[in-house]
Amino acid sequence: PDFKTLLEETDILILRGLPETLMAPFSELIQKRVESGKMGMLVFPSDKTLGQLGYSGSKMAELFPVDLIGENWRGTPGNLVLPVKDTPYGFLKLLDDPVENQEFFRTLPRFDGLYVYNRRKAGSEVLLSSTVETNAGAAPALLFQRVGRGNVAMFLGGPLWPMGFRLIPSGKGIKPYTAFVLNLLKWLANRREDAQVTLDLSSSRAFVGQPMTVRVWVSDTR
């Protein structure tokens, strides 16, 4: 595929498990589009650390909200924690009542583990914390960093897909999870809350441990 053309048209770059050697030829284009606010970036964890994938000291690493030195997997199951009940981010407001909303995150299925880092970059922010404790306190589960006019979010743990099951302990169904995903994508793409999000899946079926192509379109009246 013509990655350069795709990146020039992409609103959100979703990065998971790709080696740095594949992304290196496009790193300057990616950084330019993120800094200009024309593209957001969402980083998911994989079975290899970002260091093992070759990102340490790379141009792409400048966009991450963490330093890659001291990157370790902590295989401790835990729950998501919303650090503050009055969060300013709309995609984290899944329920109208702030107290119920904060408690709702704790009722979601536990994740299997997460990556921990020795240091977050200055200006980065913890959007979701966790019940996993480290020497520095509660381990972050979702980090955010503003890069120029663009937004970069990084999930440190997973899997998060159990949140989307209809039969989850919260009893709230799939609507809060859908709102979380769609509004997170709108925010990353610098779009308004009334923007339309379209998800295009390569197949109607997916299998655990198998790759799947997901295309995202975020559009508004701008």
C-alpha atoms as a PDB file:
ATOM      1  CA  PRO A   1       0.000   0.000   0.000  1.00  0.00           C
ATOM      2  CA  ASP A   2       0.981   3.646  -0.552  1.00  0.00           C
ATOM      3  CA  PHE A   3       1.564   4.580   3.105  1.00  0.00           C
ATOM      4  CA  LYS A   4       2.574   8.153   2.309  1.00  0.00           C
ATOM      5  CA  THR A   5      -0.716   8.881   0.548  1.00  0.00           C
ATOM      6  CA  LEU A   6      -2.694   7.144   3.281  1.00  0.00           C
ATOM      7  CA  LEU A   7      -0.951   9.150   6.010  1.00  0.00           C
ATOM      8  CA  GLU A   8      -1.596  12.405   4.159  1.00  0.00           C
ATOM      9  CA  GLU A   9      -5.328  11.617   4.267  1.00  0.00           C
ATOM     10  CA  THR A  10      -5.466  10.024   7.721  1.00  0.00           C
ATOM     11  CA  ASP A  11      -7.176  11.711  10.680  1.00  0.00           C
ATOM     12  CA  ILE A  12      -5.959   9.177  13.257  1.00  0.00           C
ATOM     13  CA  LEU A  13      -2.910   6.928  13.204  1.00  0.00           C
ATOM     14  CA  ILE A  14      -3.424   3.790  15.305  1.00  0.00           C
ATOM     15  CA  LEU A  15      -0.078   2.224  16.187  1.00  0.00           C
ATOM     16  CA  ARG A  16       0.234  -1.291  17.553  1.00  0.00           C
ATOM     17  CA  GLY A  17       3.090  -3.760  17.138  1.00  0.00           C
ATOM     18  CA  LEU A  18       4.610  -2.154  14.019  1.00  0.00           C
ATOM     19  CA  PRO A  19       8.427  -2.091  13.928  1.00  0.00           C
ATOM     20  CA  GLU A  20      10.116   1.306  13.778  1.00  0.00           C
ATOM     21  CA  THR A  21      11.870   0.360  10.547  1.00  0.00           C
ATOM     22  CA  LEU A  22       8.473   0.320   8.827  1.00  0.00           C
ATOM     23  CA  MET A  23       7.493   3.740  10.187  1.00  0.00           C
ATOM     24  CA  ALA A  24      10.888   5.484   9.915  1.00  0.00           C
ATOM     25  CA  PRO A  25      10.497   6.648   6.275  1.00  0.00           C
ATOM     26  CA  PHE A  26       7.286   8.437   7.265  1.00  0.00           C
ATOM     27  CA  SER A  27       8.237   9.707  10.731  1.00  0.00           C
ATOM     28  CA  GLU A  28       8.756  13.329   9.676  1.00  0.00           C
ATOM     29  CA  LEU A  29       5.414  13.374   7.840  1.00  0.00           C
ATOM     30  CA  ILE A  30       3.673  11.853  10.878  1.00  0.00           C
ATOM     31  CA  GLN A  31       5.250  14.347  13.263  1.00  0.00           C
ATOM     32  CA  LYS A  32       4.353  17.270  11.003  1.00  0.00           C
ATOM     33  CA  ARG A  33       0.729  16.205  10.682  1.00  0.00           C
ATOM     34  CA  VAL A  34       0.375  15.578  14.421  1.00  0.00           C
ATOM     35  CA  GLU A  35       1.971  18.894  15.366  1.00  0.00           C
ATOM     36  CA  SER A  36      -0.280  20.761  12.933  1.00  0.00           C
ATOM     37  CA  GLY A  37      -3.382  19.167  14.459  1.00  0.00           C
ATOM     38  CA  LYS A  38      -4.338  17.461  11.212  1.00  0.00           C
ATOM     39  CA  MET A  39      -3.822  13.979  12.647  1.00  0.00           C
ATOM     40  CA  GLY A  40      -4.053  12.376  16.076  1.00  0.00           C
ATOM     41  CA  MET A  41      -2.243   9.244  17.208  1.00  0.00           C
ATOM     42  CA  LEU A  42      -3.449   6.345  19.352  1.00  0.00           C
ATOM     43  CA  VAL A  43      -0.867   3.843  20.633  1.00  0.00           C
ATOM     44  CA  PHE A  44      -1.871   0.370  21.817  1.00  0.00           C
ATOM     45  CA  PRO A  45       0.398  -2.096  23.644  1.00  0.00           C
ATOM     46  CA  SER A  46       1.510  -5.296  21.944  1.00  0.00           C
ATOM     47  CA  ASP A  47       3.389  -8.434  22.915  1.00  0.00           C
ATOM     48  CA  LYS A  48       6.668  -6.541  22.326  1.00  0.00           C
ATOM     49  CA  THR A  49       7.792  -3.364  24.067  1.00  0.00           C
ATOM     50  CA  LEU A  50       8.228  -0.210  22.015  1.00  0.00           C
ATOM     51  CA  GLY A  51      11.939  -0.541  22.705  1.00  0.00           C
ATOM     52  CA  GLN A  52      12.000  -4.048  21.297  1.00  0.00           C
ATOM     53  CA  LEU A  53      10.199  -2.718  18.219  1.00  0.00           C
ATOM     54  CA  GLY A  54      13.080  -0.272  17.740  1.00  0.00           C
ATOM     55  CA  TYR A  55      11.475   3.027  18.775  1.00  0.00           C
ATOM     56  CA  SER A  56      14.039   4.017  21.424  1.00  0.00           C
ATOM     57  CA  GLY A  57      15.795   7.199  20.298  1.00  0.00           C
ATOM     58  CA  SER A  58      13.717   7.419  17.116  1.00  0.00           C
ATOM     59  CA  LYS A  59      11.812  10.367  15.658  1.00  0.00           C
ATOM     60  CA  MET A  60       8.537   8.613  16.437  1.00  0.00           C
ATOM     61  CA  ALA A  61       9.505   8.279  20.105  1.00  0.00           C
ATOM     62  CA  GLU A  62       9.359  12.071  20.394  1.00  0.00           C
ATOM     63  CA  LEU A  63       5.572  11.797  20.082  1.00  0.00           C
ATOM     64  CA  PHE A  64       5.108   9.268  22.885  1.00  0.00           C
ATOM     65  CA  PRO A  65       4.103  10.570  26.345  1.00  0.00           C
ATOM     66  CA  VAL A  66       6.742   8.387  28.049  1.00  0.00           C
ATOM     67  CA  ASP A  67      10.489   7.833  27.914  1.00  0.00           C
ATOM     68  CA  LEU A  68      11.162   4.309  26.679  1.00  0.00           C
ATOM     69  CA  ILE A  69      13.998   3.687  29.127  1.00  0.00           C
ATOM     70  CA  GLY A  70      12.914   1.280  31.862  1.00  0.00           C
ATOM     71  CA  GLU A  71       9.946  -0.146  29.955  1.00  0.00           C
ATOM     72  CA  ASN A  72       8.574  -3.289  31.626  1.00  0.00           C
ATOM     73  CA  TRP A  73       5.482  -5.453  31.413  1.00  0.00           C
ATOM     74  CA  ARG A  74       3.630  -5.918  34.692  1.00  0.00           C
ATOM     75  CA  GLY A  75       1.404  -8.973  34.368  1.00  0.00           C
ATOM     76  CA  THR A  76      -0.860  -7.966  37.233  1.00  0.00           C
ATOM     77  CA  PRO A  77      -4.604  -7.869  36.515  1.00  0.00           C
ATOM     78  CA  GLY A  78      -6.301  -4.646  37.542  1.00  0.00           C
ATOM     79  CA  ASN A  79      -9.174  -2.246  37.018  1.00  0.00           C
ATOM     80  CA  LEU A  80      -9.365   1.116  35.334  1.00  0.00           C
ATOM     81  CA  VAL A  81      -9.597   4.154  37.599  1.00  0.00           C
ATOM     82  CA  LEU A  82     -10.839   7.606  36.624  1.00  0.00           C
ATOM     83  CA  PRO A  83      -8.475   9.828  38.686  1.00  0.00           C
ATOM     84  CA  VAL A  84     -10.881  12.764  39.095  1.00  0.00           C
ATOM     85  CA  LYS A  85     -14.663  12.658  39.056  1.00  0.00           C
ATOM     86  CA  ASP A  86     -14.988  16.067  37.383  1.00  0.00           C
ATOM     87  CA  THR A  87     -12.959  15.179  34.309  1.00  0.00           C
ATOM     88  CA  PRO A  88     -12.827  17.874  31.615  1.00  0.00           C
ATOM     89  CA  TYR A  89     -12.726  15.283  28.824  1.00  0.00           C
ATOM     90  CA  GLY A  90     -16.090  14.468  27.295  1.00  0.00           C
ATOM     91  CA  PHE A  91     -15.104  10.980  26.114  1.00  0.00           C
ATOM     92  CA  LEU A  92     -14.497   9.999  29.760  1.00  0.00           C
ATOM     93  CA  LYS A  93     -17.981  11.147  30.833  1.00  0.00           C
ATOM     94  CA  LEU A  94     -19.841   7.906  30.156  1.00  0.00           C
ATOM     95  CA  LEU A  95     -22.572   8.535  32.741  1.00  0.00           C
ATOM     96  CA  ASP A  96     -24.216  11.860  33.591  1.00  0.00           C
ATOM     97  CA  ASP A  97     -23.598  11.699  37.334  1.00  0.00           C
ATOM     98  CA  PRO A  98     -19.869  12.328  38.072  1.00  0.00           C
ATOM     99  CA  VAL A  99     -19.782   9.988  41.085  1.00  0.00           C
ATOM    100  CA  GLU A 100     -21.556   7.168  39.226  1.00  0.00           C
ATOM    101  CA  ASN A 101     -19.321   7.766  36.223  1.00  0.00           C
ATOM    102  CA  GLN A 102     -16.160   7.424  38.310  1.00  0.00           C
ATOM    103  CA  GLU A 103     -17.448   4.245  39.917  1.00  0.00           C
ATOM    104  CA  PHE A 104     -18.488   2.839  36.533  1.00  0.00           C
ATOM    105  CA  PHE A 105     -14.890   2.544  35.367  1.00  0.00           C
ATOM    106  CA  ARG A 106     -14.108   0.329  38.351  1.00  0.00           C
ATOM    107  CA  THR A 107     -16.930  -2.058  37.373  1.00  0.00           C
ATOM    108  CA  LEU A 108     -15.464  -2.788  33.940  1.00  0.00           C
ATOM    109  CA  PRO A 109     -13.767  -6.169  33.375  1.00  0.00           C
ATOM    110  CA  ARG A 110     -10.203  -6.344  34.642  1.00  0.00           C
ATOM    111  CA  PHE A 111      -7.321  -6.047  32.204  1.00  0.00           C
ATOM    112  CA  ASP A 112      -4.565  -8.698  32.117  1.00  0.00           C
ATOM    113  CA  GLY A 113      -1.648  -6.368  32.803  1.00  0.00           C
ATOM    114  CA  LEU A 114       0.103  -3.221  31.626  1.00  0.00           C
ATOM    115  CA  TYR A 115       3.442  -1.680  30.744  1.00  0.00           C
ATOM    116  CA  VAL A 116       5.099   0.532  33.329  1.00  0.00           C
ATOM    117  CA  TYR A 117       7.677   3.226  32.590  1.00  0.00           C
ATOM    118  CA  ASN A 118      10.218   4.918  34.808  1.00  0.00           C
ATOM    119  CA  ARG A 119       9.310   8.395  33.634  1.00  0.00           C
ATOM    120  CA  ARG A 120       6.498  10.242  31.931  1.00  0.00           C
ATOM    121  CA  LYS A 121       7.377  13.251  29.812  1.00  0.00           C
ATOM    122  CA  ALA A 122       6.775  16.751  31.112  1.00  0.00           C
ATOM    123  CA  GLY A 123       3.309  17.919  30.142  1.00  0.00           C
ATOM    124  CA  SER A 124       1.865  14.422  29.803  1.00  0.00           C
ATOM    125  CA  GLU A 125      -1.364  13.659  31.650  1.00  0.00           C
ATOM    126  CA  VAL A 126      -2.921  10.534  33.161  1.00  0.00           C
ATOM    127  CA  LEU A 127      -6.425  10.186  31.720  1.00  0.00           C
ATOM    128  CA  LEU A 128      -7.072   6.781  33.286  1.00  0.00           C
ATOM    129  CA  SER A 129      -5.135   5.264  36.141  1.00  0.00           C
ATOM    130  CA  SER A 130      -5.332   1.700  37.470  1.00  0.00           C
ATOM    131  CA  THR A 131      -5.513  -0.346  40.649  1.00  0.00           C
ATOM    132  CA  VAL A 132      -2.012  -1.733  39.944  1.00  0.00           C
ATOM    133  CA  GLU A 133       0.473  -0.216  42.380  1.00  0.00           C
ATOM    134  CA  THR A 134       4.107   0.611  41.631  1.00  0.00           C
ATOM    135  CA  ASN A 135       6.849   2.282  43.669  1.00  0.00           C
ATOM    136  CA  ALA A 136       5.700   5.598  42.194  1.00  0.00           C
ATOM    137  CA  GLY A 137       2.036   4.974  43.031  1.00  0.00           C
ATOM    138  CA  ALA A 138      -0.873   3.824  40.879  1.00  0.00           C
ATOM    139  CA  ALA A 139       0.243   2.721  37.408  1.00  0.00           C
ATOM    140  CA  PRO A 140      -1.268   4.771  34.537  1.00  0.00           C
ATOM    141  CA  ALA A 141      -3.524   2.930  32.083  1.00  0.00           C
ATOM    142  CA  LEU A 142      -4.157   5.719  29.544  1.00  0.00           C
ATOM    143  CA  LEU A 143      -1.783   8.635  28.972  1.00  0.00           C
ATOM    144  CA  PHE A 144      -2.185  11.782  26.911  1.00  0.00           C
ATOM    145  CA  GLN A 145       0.264  14.273  25.505  1.00  0.00           C
ATOM    146  CA  ARG A 146      -0.413  17.408  23.502  1.00  0.00           C
ATOM    147  CA  VAL A 147       2.078  17.693  20.635  1.00  0.00           C
ATOM    148  CA  GLY A 148       1.774  21.088  19.013  1.00  0.00           C
ATOM    149  CA  ARG A 149      -1.899  21.265  18.039  1.00  0.00           C
ATOM    150  CA  GLY A 150      -2.308  17.495  17.958  1.00  0.00           C
ATOM    151  CA  ASN A 151      -3.346  14.865  20.494  1.00  0.00           C
ATOM    152  CA  VAL A 152      -1.480  11.638  21.251  1.00  0.00           C
ATOM    153  CA  ALA A 153      -3.044   9.005  23.527  1.00  0.00           C
ATOM    154  CA  MET A 154      -1.362   5.830  24.695  1.00  0.00           C
ATOM    155  CA  PHE A 155      -2.965   2.789  26.320  1.00  0.00           C
ATOM    156  CA  LEU A 156      -0.497   0.994  28.558  1.00  0.00           C
ATOM    157  CA  GLY A 157      -2.563  -2.080  29.390  1.00  0.00           C
ATOM    158  CA  GLY A 158      -5.104  -4.461  28.007  1.00  0.00           C
ATOM    159  CA  PRO A 159      -6.933  -6.046  26.560  1.00  0.00           C
ATOM    160  CA  LEU A 160      -9.727  -3.477  26.660  1.00  0.00           C
ATOM    161  CA  TRP A 161     -12.104  -5.327  24.353  1.00  0.00           C
ATOM    162  CA  PRO A 162     -14.048  -6.997  27.244  1.00  0.00           C
ATOM    163  CA  MET A 163     -15.439  -3.502  27.951  1.00  0.00           C
ATOM    164  CA  GLY A 164     -17.494  -3.835  24.786  1.00  0.00           C
ATOM    165  CA  PHE A 165     -19.324  -7.024  25.707  1.00  0.00           C
ATOM    166  CA  ARG A 166     -23.031  -6.589  26.330  1.00  0.00           C
ATOM    167  CA  LEU A 167     -22.937  -8.936  29.300  1.00  0.00           C
ATOM    168  CA  ILE A 168     -20.541  -7.080  31.578  1.00  0.00           C
ATOM    169  CA  PRO A 169     -20.800  -6.781  35.372  1.00  0.00           C
ATOM    170  CA  SER A 170     -21.894  -3.121  35.180  1.00  0.00           C
ATOM    171  CA  GLY A 171     -25.180  -4.058  33.525  1.00  0.00           C
ATOM    172  CA  LYS A 172     -25.008  -0.905  31.414  1.00  0.00           C
ATOM    173  CA  GLY A 173     -24.729  -2.716  28.083  1.00  0.00           C
ATOM    174  CA  ILE A 174     -22.510  -1.620  25.215  1.00  0.00           C
ATOM    175  CA  LYS A 175     -23.588   2.031  24.907  1.00  0.00           C
ATOM    176  CA  PRO A 176     -21.025   3.527  27.340  1.00  0.00           C
ATOM    177  CA  TYR A 177     -18.204   1.612  25.634  1.00  0.00           C
ATOM    178  CA  THR A 178     -19.375   2.767  22.197  1.00  0.00           C
ATOM    179  CA  ALA A 179     -19.518   6.369  23.417  1.00  0.00           C
ATOM    180  CA  PHE A 180     -16.021   6.046  24.890  1.00  0.00           C
ATOM    181  CA  VAL A 181     -14.475   4.743  21.650  1.00  0.00           C
ATOM    182  CA  LEU A 182     -16.249   7.129  19.267  1.00  0.00           C
ATOM    183  CA  ASN A 183     -15.716  10.258  21.353  1.00  0.00           C
ATOM    184  CA  LEU A 184     -12.062   9.355  21.976  1.00  0.00           C
ATOM    185  CA  LEU A 185     -11.570   9.135  18.207  1.00  0.00           C
ATOM    186  CA  LYS A 186     -13.287  12.489  17.684  1.00  0.00           C
ATOM    187  CA  TRP A 187     -11.058  14.107  20.293  1.00  0.00           C
ATOM    188  CA  LEU A 188      -7.891  12.626  18.804  1.00  0.00           C
ATOM    189  CA  ALA A 189      -8.913  13.907  15.376  1.00  0.00           C
ATOM    190  CA  ASN A 190      -9.599  17.408  16.772  1.00  0.00           C
ATOM    191  CA  ARG A 191     -13.257  17.163  15.801  1.00  0.00           C
ATOM    192  CA  ARG A 192     -16.325  18.479  17.581  1.00  0.00           C
ATOM    193  CA  GLU A 193     -18.539  16.217  19.684  1.00  0.00           C
ATOM    194  CA  ASP A 194     -21.276  16.297  17.024  1.00  0.00           C
ATOM    195  CA  ALA A 195     -18.877  14.926  14.390  1.00  0.00           C
ATOM    196  CA  GLN A 196     -19.777  11.706  12.613  1.00  0.00           C
ATOM    197  CA  VAL A 197     -17.547   8.656  13.078  1.00  0.00           C
ATOM    198  CA  THR A 198     -17.504   5.740  10.633  1.00  0.00           C
ATOM    199  CA  LEU A 199     -15.719   2.472  11.398  1.00  0.00           C
ATOM    200  CA  ASP A 200     -14.942   0.153   8.480  1.00  0.00           C
ATOM    201  CA  LEU A 201     -13.929  -3.392   9.398  1.00  0.00           C
ATOM    202  CA  SER A 202     -12.209  -5.727   6.956  1.00  0.00           C
ATOM    203  CA  SER A 203     -14.459  -8.568   8.096  1.00  0.00           C
ATOM    204  CA  SER A 204     -17.627  -9.102  10.078  1.00  0.00           C
ATOM    205  CA  ARG A 205     -15.757 -11.696  12.182  1.00  0.00           C
ATOM    206  CA  ALA A 206     -12.585 -11.373  14.223  1.00  0.00           C
ATOM    207  CA  PHE A 207     -10.416 -13.901  16.035  1.00  0.00           C
ATOM    208  CA  VAL A 208      -8.327 -13.498  19.186  1.00  0.00           C
ATOM    209  CA  GLY A 209      -4.645 -13.081  18.336  1.00  0.00           C
ATOM    210  CA  GLN A 210      -5.285 -12.477  14.628  1.00  0.00           C
ATOM    211  CA  PRO A 211      -4.719  -9.101  12.888  1.00  0.00           C
ATOM    212  CA  MET A 212      -7.667  -7.132  11.559  1.00  0.00           C
ATOM    213  CA  THR A 213      -7.781  -3.940   9.507  1.00  0.00           C
ATOM    214  CA  VAL A 214      -9.889  -1.111  10.970  1.00  0.00           C
ATOM    215  CA  ARG A 215     -10.410   2.131   9.051  1.00  0.00           C
ATOM    216  CA  VAL A 216     -11.775   5.200  10.843  1.00  0.00           C
ATOM    217  CA  TRP A 217     -13.366   8.279   9.298  1.00  0.00           C
ATOM    218  CA  VAL A 218     -14.182  11.316  11.438  1.00  0.00           C
ATOM    219  CA  SER A 219     -16.053  14.121   9.671  1.00  0.00           C
ATOM    220  CA  ASP A 220     -17.815  17.331  10.633  1.00  0.00           C
ATOM    221  CA  THR A 221     -18.793  20.581   8.925  1.00  0.00           C
ATOM    222  CA  ARG A 222     -15.269  22.063   9.045  1.00  0.00           C
END
